[in-house]
């Protein structure tokens, strides 16, 4: 189970909302969220791939609308 602080939840919520709405977001927020949501001792070699993120967000929005 992942436990986030209130401040972390706000950042993750804002980030996911921005991705879903195709709005701009800060790379630092993405990097922080990846660290918070990753298992301990797991090294993250590549922060978010923007094309993958955009495609995923578009697919989620399509599913939500249908």
Protein backbone atom coordinates (compact mmCIF):
# COMPACT_ATOMS: atom_id res chain seq x y z
CA UNK A 1 0.00 0.00 0.00
CA UNK A 2 1.22 3.49 -0.84
CA UNK A 3 0.65 6.19 1.74
CA UNK A 4 0.97 9.81 0.62
CA UNK A 5 0.85 12.99 2.63
CA UNK A 6 -1.88 15.53 1.95
CA UNK A 7 0.62 17.72 0.09
CA UNK A 8 1.72 14.78 -2.08
CA UNK A 9 -1.89 13.87 -2.89
CA UNK A 10 -2.56 17.44 -4.01
CA UNK A 11 0.46 17.37 -6.34
CA UNK A 12 -0.48 13.97 -7.82
CA UNK A 13 -4.11 15.04 -8.27
CA UNK A 14 -3.10 18.30 -9.96
CA UNK A 15 -0.62 16.44 -12.18
CA UNK A 16 -3.08 13.74 -13.29
CA UNK A 17 -5.75 16.36 -13.96
CA UNK A 18 -3.33 18.38 -16.09
CA UNK A 19 -2.34 15.29 -18.08
CA UNK A 20 -5.96 14.28 -18.66
CA UNK A 21 -6.94 17.78 -19.77
CA UNK A 22 -3.80 18.17 -21.91
CA UNK A 23 -2.69 21.18 -19.85
CA UNK A 24 0.88 22.07 -18.97
CA UNK A 25 2.51 20.65 -15.87
CA UNK A 26 5.90 20.85 -14.20
CA UNK A 27 8.45 18.12 -14.84
CA UNK A 28 9.50 18.36 -11.19
CA UNK A 29 5.97 17.30 -10.19
CA UNK A 30 6.22 14.28 -12.49
CA UNK A 31 9.58 13.29 -11.06
CA UNK A 32 8.31 13.68 -7.49
CA UNK A 33 5.16 11.67 -8.20
CA UNK A 34 7.17 8.85 -9.79
CA UNK A 35 9.37 8.63 -6.72
CA UNK A 36 6.40 8.71 -4.32
CA UNK A 37 4.50 6.05 -6.24
CA UNK A 38 7.43 3.69 -6.86
CA UNK A 39 8.40 0.84 -4.58
CA UNK A 40 11.33 1.56 -2.28
CA UNK A 41 14.83 1.07 -3.65
CA UNK A 42 13.58 1.11 -7.22
CA UNK A 43 15.68 3.32 -9.42
CA UNK A 44 13.84 5.40 -12.00
CA UNK A 45 15.99 5.65 -15.08
CA UNK A 46 13.68 7.72 -17.23
CA UNK A 47 11.18 10.28 -16.04
CA UNK A 48 7.89 10.39 -17.93
CA UNK A 49 7.96 9.96 -21.69
CA UNK A 50 5.74 12.83 -22.86
CA UNK A 51 4.40 11.07 -25.97
CA UNK A 52 3.41 8.01 -23.93
CA UNK A 53 1.78 10.23 -21.30
CA UNK A 54 -0.19 12.18 -23.90
CA UNK A 55 -1.40 9.00 -25.61
CA UNK A 56 -2.40 7.45 -22.30
CA UNK A 57 -4.26 10.59 -21.25
CA UNK A 58 -6.12 10.74 -24.56
CA UNK A 59 -7.11 7.10 -24.26
CA UNK A 60 -8.39 7.64 -20.71
CA UNK A 61 -10.42 10.66 -21.77
CA UNK A 62 -11.90 8.70 -24.70
CA UNK A 63 -12.93 5.90 -22.36
CA UNK A 64 -14.41 8.34 -19.86
CA UNK A 65 -16.49 9.99 -22.61
CA UNK A 66 -17.84 6.71 -24.00
